[in-house]
Amino acid sequence: MDSGIVVRSEDQTSSSRSLSQRNLLSIIHLKKRSA
């Protein structure tokens, strides 16, 4: 049970990290377009 919970938490953190990175990249692209 504990190991399963740990894996789930790790998956959530990794997915959130990728989402944040995508947002940063999209923001940078928008800034480049506007500039």
PDB file of N, CA and C in Angstrom:
ATOM      1  N   MET A   1       0.851  -1.206   0.000  1.00  0.00           N
ATOM      2  CA  MET A   1       0.000   0.000   0.000  1.00  0.00           C
ATOM      3  C   MET A   1       0.886   1.256   0.000  1.00  0.00           C
ATOM      4  N   ASP A   2       1.831   1.309   0.926  1.00  0.00           N
ATOM      5  CA  ASP A   2       2.698   2.493   1.015  1.00  0.00           C
ATOM      6  C   ASP A   2       3.459   2.720  -0.293  1.00  0.00           C
ATOM      7  N   SER A   3       4.051   1.637  -0.833  1.00  0.00           N
ATOM      8  CA  SER A   3       4.838   1.784  -2.071  1.00  0.00           C
ATOM      9  C   SER A   3       3.942   2.329  -3.190  1.00  0.00           C
ATOM     10  N   GLY A   4       2.711   1.848  -3.285  1.00  0.00           N
ATOM     11  CA  GLY A   4       1.795   2.320  -4.326  1.00  0.00           C
ATOM     12  C   GLY A   4       1.534   3.810  -4.174  1.00  0.00           C
ATOM     13  N   ILE A   5       1.356   4.246  -2.933  1.00  0.00           N
ATOM     14  CA  ILE A   5       1.082   5.669  -2.699  1.00  0.00           C
ATOM     15  C   ILE A   5       2.292   6.506  -3.120  1.00  0.00           C
ATOM     16  N   VAL A   6       3.486   6.022  -2.799  1.00  0.00           N
ATOM     17  CA  VAL A   6       4.706   6.766  -3.146  1.00  0.00           C
ATOM     18  C   VAL A   6       4.804   6.909  -4.661  1.00  0.00           C
ATOM     19  N   VAL A   7       4.544   5.828  -5.380  1.00  0.00           N
ATOM     20  CA  VAL A   7       4.625   5.878  -6.846  1.00  0.00           C
ATOM     21  C   VAL A   7       3.621   6.890  -7.385  1.00  0.00           C
ATOM     22  N   ARG A   8       2.423   6.888  -6.811  1.00  0.00           N
ATOM     23  CA  ARG A   8       1.396   7.827  -7.284  1.00  0.00           C
ATOM     24  C   ARG A   8       1.861   9.264  -7.068  1.00  0.00           C
ATOM     25  N   SER A   9       2.389   9.542  -5.893  1.00  0.00           N
ATOM     26  CA  SER A   9       2.839  10.911  -5.596  1.00  0.00           C
ATOM     27  C   SER A   9       3.945  11.305  -6.572  1.00  0.00           C
ATOM     28  N   GLU A  10       4.871  10.393  -6.853  1.00  0.00           N
ATOM     29  CA  GLU A  10       5.966  10.697  -7.777  1.00  0.00           C
ATOM     30  C   GLU A  10       5.408  10.994  -9.165  1.00  0.00           C
ATOM     31  N   ASP A  11       4.432  10.211  -9.609  1.00  0.00           N
ATOM     32  CA  ASP A  11       3.844  10.445 -10.935  1.00  0.00           C
ATOM     33  C   ASP A  11       3.213  11.833 -10.985  1.00  0.00           C
ATOM     34  N   GLN A  12       2.510  12.209  -9.914  1.00  0.00           N
ATOM     35  CA  GLN A  12       1.846  13.521  -9.894  1.00  0.00           C
ATOM     36  C   GLN A  12       2.881  14.636  -9.973  1.00  0.00           C
ATOM     37  N   THR A  13       3.964  14.520  -9.202  1.00  0.00           N
ATOM     38  CA  THR A  13       4.988  15.575  -9.197  1.00  0.00           C
ATOM     39  C   THR A  13       5.640  15.670 -10.579  1.00  0.00           C
ATOM     40  N   SER A  14       5.950  14.533 -11.192  1.00  0.00           N
ATOM     41  CA  SER A  14       6.604  14.547 -12.512  1.00  0.00           C
ATOM     42  C   SER A  14       5.667  15.184 -13.541  1.00  0.00           C
ATOM     43  N   SER A  15       4.381  14.841 -13.488  1.00  0.00           N
ATOM     44  CA  SER A  15       3.427  15.406 -14.452  1.00  0.00           C
ATOM     45  C   SER A  15       3.306  16.910 -14.236  1.00  0.00           C
ATOM     46  N   SER A  16       3.257  17.337 -12.980  1.00  0.00           N
ATOM     47  CA  SER A  16       3.143  18.773 -12.699  1.00  0.00           C
ATOM     48  C   SER A  16       4.392  19.490 -13.196  1.00  0.00           C
ATOM     49  N   ARG A  17       5.560  18.863 -13.055  1.00  0.00           N
ATOM     50  CA  ARG A  17       6.802  19.479 -13.526  1.00  0.00           C
ATOM     51  C   ARG A  17       6.743  19.681 -15.033  1.00  0.00           C
ATOM     52  N   SER A  18       6.327  18.656 -15.766  1.00  0.00           N
ATOM     53  CA  SER A  18       6.264  18.758 -17.225  1.00  0.00           C
ATOM     54  C   SER A  18       5.275  19.852 -17.627  1.00  0.00           C
ATOM     55  N   LEU A  19       4.156  19.941 -16.892  1.00  0.00           N
ATOM     56  CA  LEU A  19       3.159  20.966 -17.215  1.00  0.00           C
ATOM     57  C   LEU A  19       3.745  22.350 -17.008  1.00  0.00           C
ATOM     58  N   SER A  20       4.448  22.542 -15.899  1.00  0.00           N
ATOM     59  CA  SER A  20       5.048  23.856 -15.608  1.00  0.00           C
ATOM     60  C   SER A  20       6.059  24.203 -16.695  1.00  0.00           C
ATOM     61  N   GLN A  21       6.868  23.224 -17.113  1.00  0.00           N
ATOM     62  CA  GLN A  21       7.862  23.468 -18.159  1.00  0.00           C
ATOM     63  C   GLN A  21       7.164  23.862 -19.456  1.00  0.00           C
ATOM     64  N   ARG A  22       6.084  23.188 -19.795  1.00  0.00           N
ATOM     65  CA  ARG A  22       5.350  23.514 -21.032  1.00  0.00           C
ATOM     66  C   ARG A  22       4.819  24.941 -20.951  1.00  0.00           C
ATOM     67  N   ASN A  23       4.276  25.306 -19.776  1.00  0.00           N
ATOM     68  CA  ASN A  23       3.740  26.658 -19.611  1.00  0.00           C
ATOM     69  C   ASN A  23       4.842  27.683 -19.812  1.00  0.00           C
ATOM     70  N   LEU A  24       6.018  27.436 -19.224  1.00  0.00           N
ATOM     71  CA  LEU A  24       7.138  28.379 -19.362  1.00  0.00           C
ATOM     72  C   LEU A  24       7.507  28.526 -20.835  1.00  0.00           C
ATOM     73  N   LEU A  25       7.585  27.393 -21.552  1.00  0.00           N
ATOM     74  CA  LEU A  25       7.960  27.444 -22.971  1.00  0.00           C
ATOM     75  C   LEU A  25       6.923  28.235 -23.761  1.00  0.00           C
ATOM     76  N   SER A  26       5.640  27.987 -23.491  1.00  0.00           N
ATOM     77  CA  SER A  26       4.580  28.697 -24.213  1.00  0.00           C
ATOM     78  C   SER A  26       4.663  30.195 -23.927  1.00  0.00           C
ATOM     79  N   ILE A  27       4.945  30.553 -22.660  1.00  0.00           N
ATOM     80  CA  ILE A  27       5.052  31.974 -22.295  1.00  0.00           C
ATOM     81  C   ILE A  27       6.218  32.614 -23.047  1.00  0.00           C
ATOM     82  N   ILE A  28       7.341  31.898 -23.122  1.00  0.00           N
ATOM     83  CA  ILE A  28       8.523  32.430 -23.824  1.00  0.00           C
ATOM     84  C   ILE A  28       8.179  32.658 -25.300  1.00  0.00           C
ATOM     85  N   HIS A  29       7.477  31.696 -25.910  1.00  0.00           N
ATOM     86  CA  HIS A  29       7.110  31.838 -27.327  1.00  0.00           C
ATOM     87  C   HIS A  29       6.201  33.055 -27.517  1.00  0.00           C
ATOM     88  N   LEU A  30       5.244  33.227 -26.593  1.00  0.00           N
ATOM     89  CA  LEU A  30       4.336  34.370 -26.700  1.00  0.00           C
ATOM     90  C   LEU A  30       5.117  35.671 -26.602  1.00  0.00           C
ATOM     91  N   LYS A  31       6.076  35.715 -25.674  1.00  0.00           N
ATOM     92  CA  LYS A  31       6.878  36.934 -25.506  1.00  0.00           C
ATOM     93  C   LYS A  31       7.670  37.206 -26.778  1.00  0.00           C
ATOM     94  N   LYS A  32       8.241  36.164 -27.364  1.00  0.00           N
ATOM     95  CA  LYS A  32       9.031  36.351 -28.601  1.00  0.00           C
ATOM     96  C   LYS A  32       8.132  36.886 -29.717  1.00  0.00           C
ATOM     97  N   ARG A  33       6.916  36.355 -29.812  1.00  0.00           N
ATOM     98  CA  ARG A  33       6.001  36.808 -30.868  1.00  0.00           C
ATOM     99  C   ARG A  33       5.644  38.270 -30.658  1.00  0.00           C
ATOM    100  N   SER A  34       5.298  38.635 -29.429  1.00  0.00           N
ATOM    101  CA  SER A  34       4.886  40.021 -29.145  1.00  0.00           C
ATOM    102  C   SER A  34       6.065  40.975 -29.332  1.00  0.00           C
ATOM    103  N   ALA A  35       7.271  40.523 -28.996  1.00  0.00           N
ATOM    104  CA  ALA A  35       8.455  41.407 -29.084  1.00  0.00           C
ATOM    105  C   ALA A  35       8.793  41.738 -30.535  1.00  0.00           C
TER     106      ALA A  35
END
